[in-house]
Amino acid sequence: MLGLVIMLIFGHRGMPTRFVQENTLLSFLQAIQAGADGIEFDLRVSKDGELVVGHDKDLSRIAGIPLSMNKLTVKELRALSLRGAGQILTFNEITESIPSPVQLDVEVKDVNAVPALITKLRTSTQLRERTIISSFDCKVLEELQKELPDVRRLLLLHTWSVLRGSKDFWKNILALKPWAVGARGGSLTKKRMEWLRANNVLVAAYDKANSNMATKRIVNKGVDVAITYRPHVARKMLAIIKN
């Protein structure tokens, strides 16, 4: 049962649907309108060195083109017809179009994006305050901790099993002073969640499927941050719990 009702809800790549492509402005606006506290999106680098938004390295799934995002310029990427409404965005377009207080959960997919990301974040205290940098790569978070210690960091895990018997791994993770650790809901046992919180680390969970059931599972875990494709479902659940 859910014991924690104070929960941040982030739209996982916004709020993609059958007709709206993920990681697009329309997807992000839908998530915000549905009650999301923030949006989660993926960052890569274009051929001409711009920070661009896209989950997959390859464009086949969203645009039907077997090319990597880093092989095309921003102009070429923006001209693509996606499978669903929307177009590929730059990071600048997101910061200009999505105002505060909406939080920005930026998942770094390409380590080459880190230098430009740090440069961008240094331009605005307000932007740093509403930004979370997330990654499955500890080295990315180490660099952010060194260069921008005031920006929140979220470590993502593919599976908890990798940590069994690895005290050194956890020691290194805690040394990063992460704001949160995120994993799939199924790996977040009560004991593990309590341990993270006892170490002043918030608990985040992300869904792998775009379904009501997947959203309900992570909300019912009582996490601190729910990263979900269906923020409207999460928000409705929390409203019911509070009442």
C-alpha atoms as a PDB file:
ATOM      1  CA  MET A   1       0.000   0.000   0.000  1.00  0.00           C
ATOM      2  CA  LEU A   2       1.074   3.573  -0.612  1.00  0.00           C
ATOM      3  CA  GLY A   3       2.243   5.269   2.522  1.00  0.00           C
ATOM      4  CA  LEU A   4       3.732   8.420   0.981  1.00  0.00           C
ATOM      5  CA  VAL A   5       1.442  10.898  -0.752  1.00  0.00           C
ATOM      6  CA  ILE A   6       3.984  13.675  -1.334  1.00  0.00           C
ATOM      7  CA  MET A   7       5.329  12.549  -4.681  1.00  0.00           C
ATOM      8  CA  LEU A   8       6.812  14.322  -7.666  1.00  0.00           C
ATOM      9  CA  ILE A   9       5.375  13.225 -11.007  1.00  0.00           C
ATOM     10  CA  PHE A  10       7.555  13.535 -14.101  1.00  0.00           C
ATOM     11  CA  GLY A  11       6.263  12.881 -17.610  1.00  0.00           C
ATOM     12  CA  HIS A  12       8.455  10.132 -19.086  1.00  0.00           C
ATOM     13  CA  ARG A  13       9.534  11.663 -22.408  1.00  0.00           C
ATOM     14  CA  GLY A  14       6.530  13.878 -21.814  1.00  0.00           C
ATOM     15  CA  MET A  15       3.192  12.204 -22.310  1.00  0.00           C
ATOM     16  CA  PRO A  16       3.492  10.329 -25.628  1.00  0.00           C
ATOM     17  CA  THR A  17       0.437   8.743 -27.181  1.00  0.00           C
ATOM     18  CA  ARG A  18      -0.400   6.845 -30.325  1.00  0.00           C
ATOM     19  CA  PHE A  19      -0.714  10.170 -32.143  1.00  0.00           C
ATOM     20  CA  VAL A  20       1.937  12.264 -30.369  1.00  0.00           C
ATOM     21  CA  GLN A  21       5.615  11.365 -30.604  1.00  0.00           C
ATOM     22  CA  GLU A  22       7.714  11.173 -27.430  1.00  0.00           C
ATOM     23  CA  ASN A  23      10.223  13.905 -26.540  1.00  0.00           C
ATOM     24  CA  THR A  24       8.358  16.544 -28.540  1.00  0.00           C
ATOM     25  CA  LEU A  25       6.963  19.866 -27.363  1.00  0.00           C
ATOM     26  CA  LEU A  26       3.393  18.619 -27.737  1.00  0.00           C
ATOM     27  CA  SER A  27       4.226  15.571 -25.633  1.00  0.00           C
ATOM     28  CA  PHE A  28       5.746  17.781 -22.918  1.00  0.00           C
ATOM     29  CA  LEU A  29       2.814  20.198 -22.913  1.00  0.00           C
ATOM     30  CA  GLN A  30       0.381  17.318 -22.600  1.00  0.00           C
ATOM     31  CA  ALA A  31       2.277  16.059 -19.544  1.00  0.00           C
ATOM     32  CA  ILE A  32       2.169  19.489 -17.912  1.00  0.00           C
ATOM     33  CA  GLN A  33      -1.541  19.889 -18.639  1.00  0.00           C
ATOM     34  CA  ALA A  34      -2.094  16.454 -17.099  1.00  0.00           C
ATOM     35  CA  GLY A  35      -0.592  17.625 -13.823  1.00  0.00           C
ATOM     36  CA  ALA A  36       3.075  16.626 -14.097  1.00  0.00           C
ATOM     37  CA  ASP A  37       5.503  18.475 -11.835  1.00  0.00           C
ATOM     38  CA  GLY A  38       8.246  18.043 -14.400  1.00  0.00           C
ATOM     39  CA  ILE A  39       9.214  16.475 -17.683  1.00  0.00           C
ATOM     40  CA  GLU A  40      11.862  13.827 -18.330  1.00  0.00           C
ATOM     41  CA  PHE A  41      13.681  13.837 -21.648  1.00  0.00           C
ATOM     42  CA  ASP A  42      16.819  12.461 -23.305  1.00  0.00           C
ATOM     43  CA  LEU A  43      19.769  14.511 -24.490  1.00  0.00           C
ATOM     44  CA  ARG A  44      22.123  13.862 -27.397  1.00  0.00           C
ATOM     45  CA  VAL A  45      24.353  15.910 -29.721  1.00  0.00           C
ATOM     46  CA  SER A  46      23.718  16.731 -33.378  1.00  0.00           C
ATOM     47  CA  LYS A  47      26.303  16.637 -36.140  1.00  0.00           C
ATOM     48  CA  ASP A  48      26.835  20.367 -35.745  1.00  0.00           C
ATOM     49  CA  GLY A  49      27.334  20.151 -31.986  1.00  0.00           C
ATOM     50  CA  GLU A  50      23.903  21.260 -30.739  1.00  0.00           C
ATOM     51  CA  LEU A  51      22.129  19.653 -27.785  1.00  0.00           C
ATOM     52  CA  VAL A  52      19.140  17.793 -29.195  1.00  0.00           C
ATOM     53  CA  VAL A  53      16.392  15.699 -27.640  1.00  0.00           C
ATOM     54  CA  GLY A  54      16.002  12.035 -28.510  1.00  0.00           C
ATOM     55  CA  HIS A  55      15.976   8.700 -26.721  1.00  0.00           C
ATOM     56  CA  ASP A  56      17.342   6.322 -29.355  1.00  0.00           C
ATOM     57  CA  LYS A  57      20.709   6.764 -30.992  1.00  0.00           C
ATOM     58  CA  ASP A  58      19.098   5.605 -34.222  1.00  0.00           C
ATOM     59  CA  LEU A  59      16.124   7.366 -35.843  1.00  0.00           C
ATOM     60  CA  SER A  60      14.441   4.228 -37.172  1.00  0.00           C
ATOM     61  CA  ARG A  61      11.771   3.896 -34.489  1.00  0.00           C
ATOM     62  CA  ILE A  62      10.535   7.487 -34.426  1.00  0.00           C
ATOM     63  CA  ALA A  63      11.182   8.561 -38.020  1.00  0.00           C
ATOM     64  CA  GLY A  64      11.770   5.401 -40.077  1.00  0.00           C
ATOM     65  CA  ILE A  65      15.312   6.475 -40.984  1.00  0.00           C
ATOM     66  CA  PRO A  66      18.272   4.157 -40.173  1.00  0.00           C
ATOM     67  CA  LEU A  67      20.619   7.007 -39.278  1.00  0.00           C
ATOM     68  CA  SER A  68      22.093   8.127 -35.981  1.00  0.00           C
ATOM     69  CA  MET A  69      21.035  11.491 -34.593  1.00  0.00           C
ATOM     70  CA  ASN A  70      24.676  12.587 -34.433  1.00  0.00           C
ATOM     71  CA  LYS A  71      24.973  12.152 -38.212  1.00  0.00           C
ATOM     72  CA  LEU A  72      22.463  14.930 -38.929  1.00  0.00           C
ATOM     73  CA  THR A  73      22.510  18.682 -38.293  1.00  0.00           C
ATOM     74  CA  VAL A  74      19.832  20.414 -36.240  1.00  0.00           C
ATOM     75  CA  LYS A  75      18.249  21.733 -39.413  1.00  0.00           C
ATOM     76  CA  GLU A  76      18.110  18.221 -40.879  1.00  0.00           C
ATOM     77  CA  LEU A  77      16.726  16.743 -37.677  1.00  0.00           C
ATOM     78  CA  ARG A  78      14.009  19.372 -37.368  1.00  0.00           C
ATOM     79  CA  ALA A  79      12.916  18.704 -40.960  1.00  0.00           C
ATOM     80  CA  LEU A  80      12.189  15.034 -40.288  1.00  0.00           C
ATOM     81  CA  SER A  81       8.617  13.747 -40.360  1.00  0.00           C
ATOM     82  CA  LEU A  82       8.101  11.788 -37.165  1.00  0.00           C
ATOM     83  CA  ARG A  83       5.723   8.915 -36.576  1.00  0.00           C
ATOM     84  CA  GLY A  84       3.247  11.005 -34.627  1.00  0.00           C
ATOM     85  CA  ALA A  85       2.781  14.719 -34.142  1.00  0.00           C
ATOM     86  CA  GLY A  86       5.754  16.864 -33.193  1.00  0.00           C
ATOM     87  CA  GLN A  87       9.337  17.479 -34.244  1.00  0.00           C
ATOM     88  CA  ILE A  88      12.786  16.962 -32.777  1.00  0.00           C
ATOM     89  CA  LEU A  89      13.750  19.747 -30.371  1.00  0.00           C
ATOM     90  CA  THR A  90      16.936  21.360 -29.171  1.00  0.00           C
ATOM     91  CA  PHE A  91      17.613  21.782 -25.465  1.00  0.00           C
ATOM     92  CA  ASN A  92      17.405  25.556 -25.912  1.00  0.00           C
ATOM     93  CA  GLU A  93      13.900  25.223 -27.321  1.00  0.00           C
ATOM     94  CA  ILE A  94      12.804  23.284 -24.252  1.00  0.00           C
ATOM     95  CA  THR A  95      14.199  25.833 -21.790  1.00  0.00           C
ATOM     96  CA  GLU A  96      12.543  28.624 -23.779  1.00  0.00           C
ATOM     97  CA  SER A  97       9.172  26.876 -24.176  1.00  0.00           C
ATOM     98  CA  ILE A  98       8.762  25.167 -20.790  1.00  0.00           C
ATOM     99  CA  PRO A  99       8.803  27.854 -18.084  1.00  0.00           C
ATOM    100  CA  SER A 100       9.497  27.588 -14.375  1.00  0.00           C
ATOM    101  CA  PRO A 101       8.368  26.058 -12.052  1.00  0.00           C
ATOM    102  CA  VAL A 102       8.199  22.955 -14.285  1.00  0.00           C
ATOM    103  CA  GLN A 103      11.174  20.773 -13.415  1.00  0.00           C
ATOM    104  CA  LEU A 104      13.476  19.419 -16.114  1.00  0.00           C
ATOM    105  CA  ASP A 105      14.791  15.883 -15.702  1.00  0.00           C
ATOM    106  CA  VAL A 106      17.552  15.688 -18.308  1.00  0.00           C
ATOM    107  CA  GLU A 107      18.781  12.172 -19.026  1.00  0.00           C
ATOM    108  CA  VAL A 108      22.184  12.279 -20.701  1.00  0.00           C
ATOM    109  CA  LYS A 109      22.288   9.590 -23.392  1.00  0.00           C
ATOM    110  CA  ASP A 110      25.524  10.714 -25.027  1.00  0.00           C
ATOM    111  CA  VAL A 111      28.541  11.645 -22.902  1.00  0.00           C
ATOM    112  CA  ASN A 112      29.564  14.066 -25.660  1.00  0.00           C
ATOM    113  CA  ALA A 113      26.616  16.220 -24.574  1.00  0.00           C
ATOM    114  CA  VAL A 114      28.116  16.901 -21.139  1.00  0.00           C
ATOM    115  CA  PRO A 115      30.443  19.847 -21.956  1.00  0.00           C
ATOM    116  CA  ALA A 116      27.739  21.785 -23.812  1.00  0.00           C
ATOM    117  CA  LEU A 117      25.202  20.960 -21.104  1.00  0.00           C
ATOM    118  CA  ILE A 118      27.499  22.315 -18.388  1.00  0.00           C
ATOM    119  CA  THR A 119      28.068  25.485 -20.400  1.00  0.00           C
ATOM    120  CA  LYS A 120      24.315  25.960 -20.825  1.00  0.00           C
ATOM    121  CA  LEU A 121      23.519  25.408 -17.150  1.00  0.00           C
ATOM    122  CA  ARG A 122      26.162  27.901 -16.071  1.00  0.00           C
ATOM    123  CA  THR A 123      24.216  30.663 -17.799  1.00  0.00           C
ATOM    124  CA  SER A 124      21.268  30.612 -15.404  1.00  0.00           C
ATOM    125  CA  THR A 125      20.865  30.041 -11.672  1.00  0.00           C
ATOM    126  CA  GLN A 126      17.120  29.573 -12.143  1.00  0.00           C
ATOM    127  CA  LEU A 127      17.714  26.909 -14.785  1.00  0.00           C
ATOM    128  CA  ARG A 128      20.093  25.035 -12.514  1.00  0.00           C
ATOM    129  CA  GLU A 129      17.567  25.169  -9.680  1.00  0.00           C
ATOM    130  CA  ARG A 130      14.861  23.425 -11.709  1.00  0.00           C
ATOM    131  CA  THR A 131      17.130  20.939 -13.486  1.00  0.00           C
ATOM    132  CA  ILE A 132      17.964  17.350 -12.551  1.00  0.00           C
ATOM    133  CA  ILE A 133      20.687  15.534 -14.472  1.00  0.00           C
ATOM    134  CA  SER A 134      20.042  11.807 -14.715  1.00  0.00           C
ATOM    135  CA  SER A 135      22.149   9.048 -16.230  1.00  0.00           C
ATOM    136  CA  PHE A 136      22.949   5.355 -16.091  1.00  0.00           C
ATOM    137  CA  ASP A 137      26.617   6.387 -16.384  1.00  0.00           C
ATOM    138  CA  CYS A 138      28.280   7.262 -13.069  1.00  0.00           C
ATOM    139  CA  LYS A 139      31.026   9.165 -14.890  1.00  0.00           C
ATOM    140  CA  VAL A 140      28.467  11.635 -16.211  1.00  0.00           C
ATOM    141  CA  LEU A 141      27.254  12.366 -12.698  1.00  0.00           C
ATOM    142  CA  GLU A 142      30.819  12.578 -11.393  1.00  0.00           C
ATOM    143  CA  GLU A 143      31.562  15.295 -13.951  1.00  0.00           C
ATOM    144  CA  LEU A 144      28.403  17.206 -13.035  1.00  0.00           C
ATOM    145  CA  GLN A 145      29.195  16.914  -9.333  1.00  0.00           C
ATOM    146  CA  LYS A 146      32.635  18.393  -9.998  1.00  0.00           C
ATOM    147  CA  GLU A 147      31.573  21.206 -12.323  1.00  0.00           C
ATOM    148  CA  LEU A 148      28.070  22.062 -11.067  1.00  0.00           C
ATOM    149  CA  PRO A 149      27.615  20.698  -7.543  1.00  0.00           C
ATOM    150  CA  ASP A 150      24.418  22.711  -7.041  1.00  0.00           C
ATOM    151  CA  VAL A 151      22.575  20.786  -9.784  1.00  0.00           C
ATOM    152  CA  ARG A 152      20.632  17.747  -8.587  1.00  0.00           C
ATOM    153  CA  ARG A 153      21.822  14.353  -9.833  1.00  0.00           C
ATOM    154  CA  LEU A 154      19.750  11.219 -10.350  1.00  0.00           C
ATOM    155  CA  LEU A 155      21.487   7.867 -10.847  1.00  0.00           C
ATOM    156  CA  LEU A 156      19.515   5.404 -12.963  1.00  0.00           C
ATOM    157  CA  LEU A 157      19.839   1.629 -12.588  1.00  0.00           C
ATOM    158  CA  HIS A 158      18.904  -0.964 -15.182  1.00  0.00           C
ATOM    159  CA  THR A 159      18.570  -3.621 -12.502  1.00  0.00           C
ATOM    160  CA  TRP A 160      19.221  -3.830  -8.795  1.00  0.00           C
ATOM    161  CA  SER A 161      20.842  -7.276  -9.077  1.00  0.00           C
ATOM    162  CA  VAL A 162      24.064  -5.715 -10.354  1.00  0.00           C
ATOM    163  CA  LEU A 163      24.602  -4.358  -6.859  1.00  0.00           C
ATOM    164  CA  ARG A 164      24.596  -7.661  -4.976  1.00  0.00           C
ATOM    165  CA  GLY A 165      27.696  -7.962  -2.834  1.00  0.00           C
ATOM    166  CA  SER A 166      29.067  -4.733  -4.227  1.00  0.00           C
ATOM    167  CA  LYS A 167      29.803  -2.551  -1.216  1.00  0.00           C
ATOM    168  CA  ASP A 168      32.374  -0.583  -3.181  1.00  0.00           C
ATOM    169  CA  PHE A 169      29.765   0.241  -5.806  1.00  0.00           C
ATOM    170  CA  TRP A 170      27.417   1.693  -3.215  1.00  0.00           C
ATOM    171  CA  LYS A 171      30.271   3.528  -1.533  1.00  0.00           C
ATOM    172  CA  ASN A 172      31.083   5.200  -4.831  1.00  0.00           C
ATOM    173  CA  ILE A 173      27.444   5.994  -5.476  1.00  0.00           C
ATOM    174  CA  LEU A 174      26.937   7.661  -2.107  1.00  0.00           C
ATOM    175  CA  ALA A 175      30.131   9.644  -2.677  1.00  0.00           C
ATOM    176  CA  LEU A 176      28.354  11.226  -5.646  1.00  0.00           C
ATOM    177  CA  LYS A 177      25.769  12.603  -3.210  1.00  0.00           C
ATOM    178  CA  PRO A 178      22.900  11.842  -5.591  1.00  0.00           C
ATOM    179  CA  TRP A 179      19.604  13.622  -5.123  1.00  0.00           C
ATOM    180  CA  ALA A 180      17.873  10.362  -6.046  1.00  0.00           C
ATOM    181  CA  VAL A 181      18.406   6.838  -7.333  1.00  0.00           C
ATOM    182  CA  GLY A 182      15.964   5.556  -9.927  1.00  0.00           C
ATOM    183  CA  ALA A 183      15.098   2.003 -10.899  1.00  0.00           C
ATOM    184  CA  ARG A 184      12.224  -0.059 -12.218  1.00  0.00           C
ATOM    185  CA  GLY A 185       9.467  -0.393  -9.670  1.00  0.00           C
ATOM    186  CA  GLY A 186       9.809  -4.157  -9.407  1.00  0.00           C
ATOM    187  CA  SER A 187      13.324  -3.910  -7.957  1.00  0.00           C
ATOM    188  CA  LEU A 188      12.414  -1.358  -5.305  1.00  0.00           C
ATOM    189  CA  THR A 189      11.674  -3.390  -2.210  1.00  0.00           C
ATOM    190  CA  LYS A 190      10.646  -1.717   1.039  1.00  0.00           C
ATOM    191  CA  LYS A 191      14.037  -2.496   2.576  1.00  0.00           C
ATOM    192  CA  ARG A 192      15.951  -0.976  -0.330  1.00  0.00           C
ATOM    193  CA  MET A 193      13.813   2.153  -0.322  1.00  0.00           C
ATOM    194  CA  GLU A 194      14.274   2.599   3.411  1.00  0.00           C
ATOM    195  CA  TRP A 195      18.037   2.191   3.024  1.00  0.00           C
ATOM    196  CA  LEU A 196      18.228   4.856   0.320  1.00  0.00           C
ATOM    197  CA  ARG A 197      16.202   7.327   2.361  1.00  0.00           C
ATOM    198  CA  ALA A 198      18.288   6.599   5.456  1.00  0.00           C
ATOM    199  CA  ASN A 199      21.262   7.752   3.361  1.00  0.00           C
ATOM    200  CA  ASN A 200      19.453  10.974   2.383  1.00  0.00           C
ATOM    201  CA  VAL A 201      18.758   9.730  -1.147  1.00  0.00           C
ATOM    202  CA  LEU A 202      15.291   9.990  -2.671  1.00  0.00           C
ATOM    203  CA  VAL A 203      13.697   7.030  -4.435  1.00  0.00           C
ATOM    204  CA  ALA A 204      12.646   7.330  -8.078  1.00  0.00           C
ATOM    205  CA  ALA A 205      10.980   4.769 -10.318  1.00  0.00           C
ATOM    206  CA  TYR A 206      10.435   4.747 -14.064  1.00  0.00           C
ATOM    207  CA  ASP A 207       7.927   2.731 -16.055  1.00  0.00           C
ATOM    208  CA  LYS A 208       8.957   0.652 -19.076  1.00  0.00           C
ATOM    209  CA  ALA A 209       5.491   0.296 -20.577  1.00  0.00           C
ATOM    210  CA  ASN A 210       3.056   3.020 -21.597  1.00  0.00           C
ATOM    211  CA  SER A 211       0.075   1.633 -19.699  1.00  0.00           C
ATOM    212  CA  ASN A 212      -2.174   2.475 -16.772  1.00  0.00           C
ATOM    213  CA  MET A 213      -1.019  -0.650 -14.961  1.00  0.00           C
ATOM    214  CA  ALA A 214       2.662   0.307 -15.214  1.00  0.00           C
ATOM    215  CA  THR A 215       1.908   3.748 -13.797  1.00  0.00           C
ATOM    216  CA  LYS A 216      -0.191   2.346 -10.962  1.00  0.00           C
ATOM    217  CA  ARG A 217       2.582  -0.050  -9.972  1.00  0.00           C
ATOM    218  CA  ILE A 218       5.185   2.629  -9.448  1.00  0.00           C
ATOM    219  CA  VAL A 219       2.798   5.015  -7.694  1.00  0.00           C
ATOM    220  CA  ASN A 220       1.718   2.237  -5.345  1.00  0.00           C
ATOM    221  CA  LYS A 221       5.367   1.739  -4.410  1.00  0.00           C
ATOM    222  CA  GLY A 222       5.265   5.074  -2.609  1.00  0.00           C
ATOM    223  CA  VAL A 223       8.318   6.459  -4.372  1.00  0.00           C
ATOM    224  CA  ASP A 224       9.434  10.071  -4.082  1.00  0.00           C
ATOM    225  CA  VAL A 225       9.616  10.570  -7.859  1.00  0.00           C
ATOM    226  CA  ALA A 226       7.376   8.758 -10.353  1.00  0.00           C
ATOM    227  CA  ILE A 227       8.685   8.980 -13.925  1.00  0.00           C
ATOM    228  CA  THR A 228       5.721   7.844 -15.961  1.00  0.00           C
ATOM    229  CA  TYR A 229       4.301   7.960 -19.468  1.00  0.00           C
ATOM    230  CA  ARG A 230       0.871   8.569 -17.954  1.00  0.00           C
ATOM    231  CA  PRO A 231       1.132  11.428 -15.464  1.00  0.00           C
ATOM    232  CA  HIS A 232      -2.633  11.941 -15.539  1.00  0.00           C
ATOM    233  CA  VAL A 233      -3.114   8.465 -14.064  1.00  0.00           C
ATOM    234  CA  ALA A 234      -0.530   9.121 -11.357  1.00  0.00           C
ATOM    235  CA  ARG A 235      -2.079  12.482 -10.494  1.00  0.00           C
ATOM    236  CA  LYS A 236      -5.563  10.955 -10.236  1.00  0.00           C
ATOM    237  CA  MET A 237      -4.257   8.212  -7.938  1.00  0.00           C
ATOM    238  CA  LEU A 238      -2.607  10.719  -5.626  1.00  0.00           C
ATOM    239  CA  ALA A 239      -5.760  12.830  -5.489  1.00  0.00           C
ATOM    240  CA  ILE A 240      -7.772   9.787  -4.410  1.00  0.00           C
ATOM    241  CA  ILE A 241      -5.193   8.842  -1.771  1.00  0.00           C
ATOM    242  CA  LYS A 242      -5.122  12.349  -0.300  1.00  0.00           C
ATOM    243  CA  ASN A 243      -8.891  12.344   0.024  1.00  0.00           C
END
